[in-house]
Protein backbone atom coordinates (compact mmCIF):
# COMPACT_ATOMS: atom_id res chain seq x y z
CA MET A 1 22.66 4.28 -25.62
CA GLU A 2 25.38 2.94 -27.90
CA GLN A 3 26.83 -0.44 -27.58
CA THR A 4 30.31 1.30 -26.62
CA LYS A 5 28.99 3.29 -23.68
CA TYR A 6 28.02 0.02 -21.30
CA SER A 7 29.75 -3.32 -20.85
CA VAL A 8 28.07 -6.82 -19.51
CA GLY A 9 30.06 -9.43 -17.20
CA LEU A 10 27.89 -12.94 -17.33
CA ASP A 11 28.64 -15.15 -14.53
CA ILE A 12 27.57 -18.78 -15.19
CA GLY A 13 27.75 -20.37 -12.05
CA THR A 14 26.57 -23.58 -10.06
CA THR A 15 23.30 -22.40 -8.38
CA LYS A 16 22.89 -18.74 -10.26
CA ILE A 17 23.59 -17.24 -13.63
CA VAL A 18 23.79 -13.25 -13.17
CA ALA A 19 24.00 -10.86 -16.17
CA ILE A 20 25.51 -7.64 -15.30
CA ILE A 21 25.35 -4.76 -17.13
CA GLY A 22 27.34 -1.15 -16.36
CA LYS A 23 29.37 1.85 -17.09
CA GLN A 24 31.84 3.77 -15.64
CA ASN A 25 31.21 7.22 -14.50
CA GLU A 26 32.85 10.25 -14.62
CA TYR A 27 34.48 9.41 -11.00
CA ASP A 28 35.52 6.16 -12.61
CA LYS A 29 33.06 4.08 -10.35
CA ILE A 30 30.91 1.53 -12.07
CA GLU A 31 27.06 2.30 -12.21
CA ILE A 32 25.44 -0.88 -12.06
CA LEU A 33 22.36 -0.20 -15.46
CA GLY A 34 20.85 -3.49 -14.93
CA ILE A 35 20.94 -6.82 -13.70
CA GLY A 36 19.30 -10.04 -14.53
CA LYS A 37 19.65 -13.58 -12.72
CA SER A 38 18.12 -17.15 -12.88
CA LYS A 39 18.71 -20.02 -11.45
CA SER A 40 21.22 -22.53 -12.95
CA LEU A 41 20.07 -25.64 -14.07
CA GLY A 42 22.67 -26.92 -16.59
CA VAL A 43 26.01 -27.03 -14.48
CA HIS A 44 27.61 -28.83 -11.68
CA ARG A 45 30.79 -28.05 -9.78
CA GLY A 46 31.30 -25.08 -12.33
CA VAL A 47 31.14 -26.92 -15.28
CA VAL A 48 28.70 -27.12 -17.88
CA ASN A 49 26.80 -30.72 -17.87
CA ASN A 50 23.69 -29.47 -19.99
CA ILE A 51 23.94 -27.09 -22.70
CA THR A 52 20.42 -27.26 -23.62
CA GLN A 53 19.48 -26.14 -19.80
CA THR A 54 22.52 -23.72 -19.44
CA ILE A 55 21.94 -21.60 -22.78
CA LYS A 56 17.86 -21.49 -21.49
CA SER A 57 19.24 -19.85 -18.19
CA ILE A 58 21.86 -17.65 -19.86
CA GLN A 59 18.90 -16.30 -22.13
CA GLN A 60 16.90 -15.98 -18.66
CA ALA A 61 19.11 -14.03 -16.90
CA VAL A 62 19.80 -11.87 -19.87
CA GLU A 63 16.43 -11.03 -20.75
CA GLU A 64 15.62 -9.85 -16.98
CA ALA A 65 19.19 -7.61 -17.32
CA GLU A 66 17.76 -6.11 -20.47
CA ALA A 67 14.24 -5.83 -19.32
CA ASN A 68 15.76 -3.90 -16.26
CA SER A 69 17.84 -1.39 -17.89
CA GLY A 70 16.05 -1.17 -21.29
CA LEU A 71 19.75 -1.99 -22.99
CA LYS A 72 19.98 -4.48 -25.70
CA ILE A 73 23.24 -6.96 -24.19
CA GLY A 74 25.54 -7.93 -27.42
CA SER A 75 28.94 -8.52 -26.42
CA VAL A 76 29.58 -9.95 -22.40
CA VAL A 77 32.63 -11.24 -20.67
CA VAL A 78 32.81 -14.74 -19.19
CA GLY A 79 34.22 -16.48 -16.22
CA ILE A 80 35.78 -20.22 -16.32
CA ALA A 81 35.96 -21.75 -13.14
CA GLY A 82 35.40 -25.29 -12.25
CA GLN A 83 36.75 -28.41 -10.69
CA HIS A 84 38.96 -28.90 -13.97
CA ILE A 85 41.06 -25.99 -13.42
CA ARG A 86 44.53 -26.60 -11.82
CA SER A 87 47.31 -24.79 -11.62
CA LEU A 88 51.34 -25.47 -11.88
CA GLN A 89 54.80 -23.14 -11.66
CA HIS A 90 57.33 -23.45 -14.08
CA SER A 91 60.62 -22.17 -15.51
CA ASP A 92 61.79 -21.47 -18.66
CA TYR A 93 64.39 -19.63 -20.46
CA ILE A 94 65.38 -18.29 -24.09
CA THR A 95 69.14 -17.85 -25.30
CA ARG A 96 68.78 -14.14 -27.35
CA LYS A 97 71.13 -14.37 -30.76
CA ASP A 98 72.13 -10.70 -29.83
CA SER A 99 73.22 -9.53 -26.16
CA GLU A 100 73.98 -6.31 -27.56
CA GLU A 101 70.60 -5.18 -28.10
CA VAL A 102 68.22 -4.41 -25.61
CA ILE A 103 65.39 -6.75 -24.60
CA ASP A 104 62.17 -6.28 -26.29
CA GLU A 105 58.45 -7.56 -26.31
CA GLU A 106 59.20 -9.68 -28.83
CA ASP A 107 61.60 -11.49 -26.60
CA VAL A 108 59.16 -11.28 -23.75
CA ASP A 109 56.58 -12.94 -25.96
CA SER A 110 58.71 -15.94 -27.43
CA LEU A 111 59.60 -16.95 -24.31
CA CYS A 112 55.63 -16.84 -23.16
CA ASN A 113 55.22 -18.84 -26.12
CA GLN A 114 57.69 -21.40 -25.32
CA VAL A 115 55.80 -22.23 -22.53
CA HIS A 116 52.70 -22.46 -24.18
CA LYS A 117 53.94 -25.36 -25.66
CA LEU A 118 54.44 -27.88 -23.07
CA ILE A 119 52.93 -31.14 -23.62
CA MET A 120 50.11 -31.38 -21.15
CA LEU A 121 47.61 -34.21 -20.11
CA PRO A 122 45.12 -35.52 -22.83
CA GLY A 123 42.24 -33.01 -22.85
CA GLU A 124 43.91 -30.47 -20.97
CA GLU A 125 44.99 -26.95 -22.92
CA ILE A 126 47.17 -23.95 -20.96
CA ILE A 127 44.97 -21.17 -20.46
CA HIS A 128 46.72 -18.40 -18.51
CA VAL A 129 50.17 -18.08 -18.60
CA LEU A 130 51.84 -16.05 -15.77
CA PRO A 131 55.31 -14.25 -16.00
CA GLN A 132 56.03 -14.31 -11.97
CA GLU A 133 59.51 -12.77 -12.12
CA TYR A 134 62.51 -12.49 -14.13
CA LYS A 135 66.20 -13.52 -14.78
CA VAL A 136 68.45 -11.62 -16.98
CA ASP A 137 72.03 -13.52 -17.04
CA GLY A 138 71.23 -14.59 -13.59
CA GLN A 139 70.50 -11.29 -11.84
CA ALA A 140 66.92 -12.24 -10.58
CA GLU A 141 63.94 -10.52 -9.21
CA ILE A 142 63.35 -8.28 -12.27
CA ARG A 143 59.77 -7.32 -12.91
CA GLU A 144 60.20 -5.59 -15.97
CA PRO A 145 63.10 -7.21 -17.99
CA ILE A 146 62.19 -4.84 -21.41
CA GLY A 147 64.99 -2.15 -22.14
CA MET A 148 67.40 -4.20 -20.44
CA TYR A 149 70.75 -5.80 -22.30
CA GLY A 150 71.55 -9.29 -21.38
CA GLY A 151 71.87 -12.88 -23.37
CA ARG A 152 69.65 -15.30 -21.27
CA LEU A 153 66.14 -14.55 -20.69
CA GLU A 154 64.79 -16.62 -17.76
CA ALA A 155 61.05 -16.77 -15.63
CA ASN A 156 58.95 -18.37 -13.63
CA PHE A 157 55.45 -18.77 -14.45
CA HIS A 158 52.13 -19.70 -12.97
CA VAL A 159 50.61 -22.05 -15.72
CA VAL A 160 46.81 -22.46 -15.16
CA VAL A 161 45.24 -25.26 -16.78
CA GLY A 162 41.51 -26.54 -17.90
CA GLN A 163 39.86 -29.08 -19.46
CA VAL A 164 39.35 -27.88 -23.10
CA VAL A 165 36.28 -29.30 -23.95
CA SER A 166 34.63 -27.55 -20.74
CA ILE A 167 35.60 -23.92 -21.49
CA LYS A 168 34.63 -24.80 -25.36
CA ASN A 169 31.14 -25.98 -23.80
CA VAL A 170 30.82 -22.69 -22.30
CA GLY A 171 31.74 -20.74 -25.05
CA ARG A 172 29.02 -22.76 -27.42
CA CYS A 173 26.39 -21.80 -24.89
CA ILE A 174 27.00 -18.03 -25.07
CA LYS A 175 27.10 -18.35 -28.77
CA SER A 176 24.17 -20.24 -28.68
CA ALA A 177 22.25 -18.27 -26.44
CA GLY A 178 22.52 -15.15 -29.30
CA LEU A 179 25.35 -13.46 -27.52
CA ASP A 180 29.07 -12.53 -28.75
CA LEU A 181 32.09 -13.95 -26.41
CA GLY A 182 33.97 -10.75 -25.64
CA ASN A 183 36.35 -12.20 -23.32
CA ILE A 184 37.22 -15.09 -21.31
CA THR A 185 38.81 -14.38 -17.82
CA LEU A 186 39.55 -16.62 -14.62
CA GLU A 187 36.57 -16.64 -12.12
CA PRO A 188 39.00 -16.36 -9.07
CA LEU A 189 40.97 -13.60 -10.96
CA ALA A 190 37.59 -11.83 -11.37
CA SER A 191 36.31 -11.86 -7.90
CA SER A 192 40.21 -10.43 -6.61
CA ASP A 193 39.85 -7.36 -9.06
CA ALA A 194 36.26 -6.64 -7.36
CA VAL A 195 37.23 -7.31 -3.72
CA LEU A 196 41.13 -6.89 -3.42
CA SER A 197 42.61 -3.78 -3.06
CA GLN A 198 46.05 -3.41 -4.44
CA GLU A 199 47.86 -2.58 -0.98
CA GLU A 200 46.42 -6.57 0.03
CA LYS A 201 47.66 -7.88 -3.08
CA GLU A 202 51.42 -6.17 -2.57
CA ALA A 203 51.31 -7.57 1.08
CA GLY A 204 50.04 -11.24 0.21
CA VAL A 205 46.83 -11.79 0.63
CA ALA A 206 44.53 -15.31 -0.30
CA LEU A 207 41.26 -14.88 -1.94
CA ILE A 208 38.63 -17.74 -0.90
CA ASP A 209 35.42 -17.56 -3.29
CA ILE A 210 32.88 -19.68 -1.72
CA GLY A 211 30.61 -20.75 -4.60
CA GLY A 212 27.49 -23.09 -5.11
CA GLY A 213 29.68 -25.60 -6.46
CA THR A 214 33.44 -25.16 -5.91
CA THR A 215 35.45 -22.88 -4.01
CA ASP A 216 38.31 -20.88 -5.93
CA LEU A 217 41.63 -19.71 -4.29
CA ALA A 218 43.29 -16.96 -5.77
CA ILE A 219 46.88 -16.14 -3.70
CA PHE A 220 48.28 -12.85 -4.90
CA LYS A 221 51.90 -11.46 -3.10
CA ASP A 222 54.24 -8.60 -4.04
CA GLY A 223 51.08 -7.61 -6.49
CA ILE A 224 51.71 -10.46 -8.66
CA ILE A 225 49.28 -13.67 -8.81
CA ARG A 226 51.34 -16.63 -7.35
CA HIS A 227 49.03 -19.64 -6.86
CA THR A 228 45.01 -20.35 -8.12
CA ALA A 229 43.35 -23.60 -7.13
CA VAL A 230 39.63 -24.73 -7.34
CA ILE A 231 38.70 -27.09 -4.62
CA PRO A 232 35.46 -29.00 -5.91
CA PHE A 233 33.39 -28.28 -2.98
CA GLY A 234 30.67 -25.64 -1.98
CA GLY A 235 27.67 -24.38 -0.32
CA GLY A 236 25.86 -26.96 -2.40
CA VAL A 237 27.52 -29.78 -0.65
CA ILE A 238 26.69 -27.94 2.74
CA THR A 239 23.15 -28.22 1.65
CA GLU A 240 23.20 -31.66 0.43
CA ASP A 241 24.78 -32.46 3.90
CA ILE A 242 21.81 -31.34 5.68
CA LYS A 243 18.85 -32.49 3.39
CA GLU A 244 20.36 -36.07 4.14
CA GLY A 245 21.10 -35.42 7.89
CA CYS A 246 17.86 -33.66 8.54
CA SER A 247 15.62 -35.92 5.97
CA ILE A 248 14.29 -32.99 4.67
CA ILE A 249 13.97 -31.53 0.49
CA GLU A 250 16.64 -29.44 -0.85
CA LYS A 251 14.48 -26.55 -0.72
CA GLN A 252 14.20 -26.52 2.83
CA ALA A 253 18.07 -27.75 3.59
CA GLU A 254 18.88 -24.49 1.59
CA LEU A 255 16.86 -21.97 3.95
CA LEU A 256 17.73 -23.54 6.86
CA LYS A 257 21.28 -23.04 6.26
CA THR A 258 20.54 -19.62 5.37
CA ARG A 259 18.35 -18.22 7.84
CA PHE A 260 19.59 -20.21 11.10
CA GLY A 261 22.54 -22.15 9.82
CA SER A 262 25.91 -21.47 11.81
CA ALA A 263 29.52 -22.45 11.39
CA TRP A 264 30.35 -22.40 14.99
CA PRO A 265 28.25 -25.20 17.17
CA GLY A 266 28.99 -24.07 20.25
CA GLU A 267 26.56 -20.75 19.37
CA ASN A 268 23.41 -22.62 20.05
CA ARG A 269 22.04 -24.11 22.63
CA GLU A 270 20.35 -27.89 22.92
CA ASN A 271 16.85 -26.70 23.33
CA GLU A 272 17.02 -24.40 20.46
CA ILE A 273 14.70 -25.86 17.86
CA VAL A 274 12.99 -24.95 14.23
CA SER A 275 9.90 -26.73 13.33
CA ILE A 276 9.64 -27.46 9.31
CA PRO A 277 6.21 -28.31 8.22
CA GLY A 278 5.76 -31.78 6.71
CA LEU A 279 5.23 -32.98 3.27
CA ARG A 280 1.64 -33.30 1.95
CA GLY A 281 0.10 -33.44 5.10
CA ARG A 282 2.65 -35.42 7.30
CA GLU A 283 3.88 -34.46 11.09
CA PRO A 284 6.14 -31.32 11.16
CA LYS A 285 9.61 -31.95 11.91
CA GLU A 286 11.85 -30.60 14.36
CA ILE A 287 15.48 -29.82 13.97
CA SER A 288 17.81 -28.94 16.81
CA LEU A 289 19.64 -26.17 15.72
CA LYS A 290 22.68 -27.47 17.67
CA ASN A 291 22.94 -30.72 15.41
CA LEU A 292 22.15 -28.12 12.12
CA SER A 293 25.28 -26.23 13.29
CA LYS A 294 27.12 -29.56 13.87
CA ILE A 295 26.26 -30.74 10.03
CA ILE A 296 27.53 -27.35 8.95
CA HIS A 297 30.76 -27.19 10.79
CA ALA A 298 31.69 -30.60 9.73
CA ARG A 299 31.87 -29.81 6.13
CA VAL A 300 33.37 -26.26 6.41
CA VAL A 301 36.28 -27.36 8.14
CA GLU A 302 36.58 -29.86 5.28
CA ILE A 303 36.34 -27.15 2.89
CA ILE A 304 38.82 -24.76 4.59
CA GLU A 305 41.57 -27.41 5.81
CA GLN A 306 41.77 -28.00 1.89
CA VAL A 307 42.00 -24.58 1.27
CA TYR A 308 44.60 -24.23 4.06
CA VAL A 309 46.67 -26.86 2.33
CA GLU A 310 46.59 -25.19 -1.17
CA ILE A 311 48.02 -21.78 0.99
CA LYS A 312 50.83 -24.17 2.57
CA ASN A 313 51.47 -25.65 -0.67
CA TYR A 314 52.46 -21.98 -1.79
CA GLY A 315 54.56 -21.46 0.86
CA HIS A 316 52.66 -19.17 3.24
CA GLU A 317 54.85 -20.66 5.91
CA GLU A 318 57.96 -19.27 4.29
CA GLN A 319 58.91 -15.78 6.11
CA LYS A 320 59.30 -14.49 2.30
CA LYS A 321 56.30 -15.68 1.34
CA LYS A 322 54.19 -14.95 4.08
CA LEU A 323 50.65 -13.21 3.67
CA ILE A 324 50.66 -10.49 5.48
CA ALA A 325 46.92 -9.29 4.72
CA GLY A 326 45.43 -12.96 5.46
CA ILE A 327 42.67 -13.88 4.15
CA VAL A 328 39.62 -12.53 2.14
CA LEU A 329 36.63 -14.90 1.91
CA THR A 330 33.73 -13.68 -0.72
CA GLY A 331 31.28 -15.47 -2.66
CA GLY A 332 27.67 -16.68 -1.63
CA GLY A 333 29.26 -19.24 0.79
CA SER A 334 31.15 -16.63 2.70
CA GLN A 335 27.72 -15.29 4.01
CA LEU A 336 27.48 -18.31 6.26
CA LYS A 337 27.36 -16.85 10.35
CA HIS A 338 30.63 -17.36 12.22
CA LEU A 339 32.45 -18.73 9.12
CA LYS A 340 34.84 -15.78 9.53
CA GLN A 341 36.12 -16.80 12.97
CA LEU A 342 35.99 -20.51 12.03
CA VAL A 343 38.62 -19.51 9.45
CA GLU A 344 40.50 -17.57 11.68
CA TYR A 345 40.78 -20.28 13.97
CA ILE A 346 41.79 -22.98 11.68
CA THR A 347 44.10 -20.98 9.92
CA GLY A 348 45.57 -18.44 12.51
CA MET A 349 45.47 -15.72 9.75
CA ASP A 350 43.54 -12.55 9.82
CA THR A 351 40.25 -12.78 7.90
CA ARG A 352 37.70 -10.37 6.59
CA ILE A 353 34.64 -10.64 4.48
CA GLY A 354 35.21 -9.17 0.65
CA TYR A 355 32.35 -6.99 -0.62
CA PRO A 356 32.71 -5.70 -4.23
CA ASN A 357 31.39 -2.22 -3.03
CA GLU A 358 34.62 -0.42 -3.41
CA HIS A 359 34.45 -0.01 -7.19
CA LEU A 360 30.34 0.72 -7.34
CA ALA A 361 28.97 3.84 -7.27
CA GLY A 362 27.67 5.66 -4.00
CA ASP A 363 23.94 5.04 -5.51
CA SER A 364 24.31 0.89 -6.25
CA ASP A 365 21.57 -1.33 -5.24
CA GLU A 366 22.72 -2.71 -2.04
CA GLU A 367 22.08 -6.03 -3.30
CA VAL A 368 24.83 -5.88 -5.90
CA ALA A 369 27.27 -4.98 -3.23
CA SER A 370 26.50 -8.48 -1.73
CA PRO A 371 29.61 -10.81 -1.84
CA LEU A 372 27.37 -13.26 -3.60
CA TYR A 373 28.23 -10.97 -6.91
CA ALA A 374 31.86 -10.20 -6.41
CA THR A 375 32.71 -12.68 -9.50
CA ALA A 376 29.96 -10.83 -11.57
CA VAL A 377 31.21 -7.23 -10.42
CA GLY A 378 34.99 -8.62 -11.25
CA LEU A 379 33.56 -9.49 -15.01
CA LEU A 380 31.93 -6.36 -15.43
CA MET A 381 35.27 -4.36 -14.46
CA ASN A 382 36.88 -6.77 -16.99
CA ALA A 383 34.52 -5.79 -20.14
CA ILE A 384 35.05 -2.24 -18.95
CA LYS A 385 38.49 -2.48 -19.23
CA ASN A 386 38.75 -3.92 -22.70
CA GLN A 387 36.36 -1.27 -23.75
CA GLU A 388 38.76 1.24 -22.33
CA LYS A 389 41.42 -0.02 -24.37
CA LEU A 390 39.45 -0.01 -27.38
CA LYS A 391 38.43 3.32 -27.16
CA CYS A 392 41.70 4.32 -26.32
CA ILE A 393 43.12 2.97 -29.81
CA LYS A 394 39.95 4.02 -31.46
CA GLU A 395 41.38 7.81 -30.65
CA GLU A 396 45.10 7.51 -31.17
CA ILE A 397 44.15 6.22 -34.83
CA HIS A 398 41.66 9.03 -35.11
CA GLN A 399 44.42 11.52 -34.02
CA GLU A 400 46.85 10.60 -36.05
CA GLU A 401 44.73 10.55 -39.59
CA GLU A 402 43.48 14.00 -38.59
CA ALA A 403 47.22 14.77 -38.43
CA GLY A 404 47.56 13.28 -41.58
CA GLU A 405 50.38 10.48 -40.29
CA LEU A 406 48.37 7.26 -40.82
CA VAL A 407 46.70 6.93 -44.08
CA TYR A 408 44.44 3.63 -45.10
CA ALA A 409 43.78 2.88 -48.21
CA ASP A 410 40.10 2.71 -47.64
CA ARG A 411 39.94 5.08 -44.82
CA ASP A 412 38.30 2.52 -42.67
CA THR A 413 38.93 3.45 -39.06
CA GLU A 414 37.31 -0.14 -37.86
CA ALA A 415 39.84 -2.05 -40.01
CA ALA A 416 42.73 0.67 -38.53
CA THR A 417 41.69 -0.68 -35.29
CA GLN A 418 41.63 -4.19 -35.64
CA THR A 419 45.25 -3.76 -37.24
CA ARG A 420 46.58 -1.95 -34.23
CA MET A 421 44.84 -4.50 -31.73
CA HIS A 422 46.83 -6.76 -33.29
CA LYS A 423 49.80 -5.09 -33.22
CA GLU A 424 49.01 -4.61 -29.62
CA ARG A 425 51.16 -6.85 -27.29
CA LYS A 426 48.78 -9.46 -26.06
CA SER A 427 49.24 -12.25 -22.99
CA VAL A 428 49.06 -15.94 -23.66
CA PHE A 429 45.43 -15.63 -22.36
CA ASP A 430 44.37 -12.77 -25.04
CA LYS A 431 45.60 -15.22 -27.75
CA TRP A 432 44.09 -18.12 -26.76
CA SER A 433 40.67 -16.43 -26.11
CA GLU A 434 41.03 -15.62 -29.79
CA LYS A 435 41.79 -18.72 -30.83
CA LEU A 436 38.67 -20.04 -29.03
CA LYS A 437 36.37 -17.59 -30.61
CA GLU A 438 38.00 -18.57 -34.18
CA PHE A 439 36.92 -22.53 -33.25
CA LEU A 440 33.25 -21.38 -32.26
CA ASP A 441 33.02 -18.99 -35.44
CA ASN A 442 34.19 -21.93 -37.46
CA ALA A 443 32.01 -24.59 -35.84
CA GLU A 444 28.64 -25.42 -37.44
């Protein structure tokens, strides 16, 4: 099978690294061809802190996916998250030279590029500039200003900022693992592609992705992303609390959490007890499930309250910004028993668990349809989208060549594709990805 026929998403998480290979079938659904996962050893709270270990884990996941599918992985789309990601709102404007001419893509680009020049804290760089809505000569709430007349073009932007060193480290790991960096995308955006419907994005929804090291939040309203945040706590701190609170090892704490854990202490009776084998011939430990739930509950409440502060910061309490579709929980942490009920109790918002199965072909493995793989499926969708874009451009060029409308000196379709790709309107994020890829190519 050629490389163009399939795509690869790579999710570098705090607890696991997942490589997922797939392609689009004739019904526009995603067919999973292979999946590989490995324990993530060099990542802490979404940030790479041990390059060698991370490279090893990536290679392990990639090899497993290749063995499962019988395919060779070349280029991957990778997600970025981590506690260094923050976002801010910013408004900017440009005054156009000639208001008698209609606004074109160049005007919108120069406005976006102006935002890109904002001065950030040392070591930080803008990685996403997402226009919210535009104003033309004071006329507000314009979704698409291209084609309109006007002298002053304004826009509100959602700007996502990250530590450039952290992101370059991810790129370095990909390159050292023998892979090409196809694209980089923000993980909350990837997860939202996989589990949210367009109706939910229109109505207003908060996606909460509870991972091992971080909890990612993405808020949509009127089909546009309005707010993103990364909270530096996830399922890992809950395991850590159980380990400390019950004086047991991490492996046992993780098992207790997934098998018997509940976010609602009222569920368990006082006499419900689980016995854990002692270490090296020591006496077994008896742990009350009620106590276990109390430990989990305390930490989960803290995480949800921090997320709720972010939802309120966005302005959910204003009538105009109300999130009608409520909350969607996804990620490995969302599988905790009674979490949905606790989130509804704390926030008073409708809540559901988000599964990435809506976009998957009917015969997909049940395991992949778990919230655990929401980000990986979202990254795969992003990779497929990129492939489609490339394919369309190649087809256009081919048709123009056949019609004799387009003559390249070297008749090299690949070169033509590159030229066309450069002419395509790019988001600031795409340009930034290219800059990062260039940096990695030049680095020794």
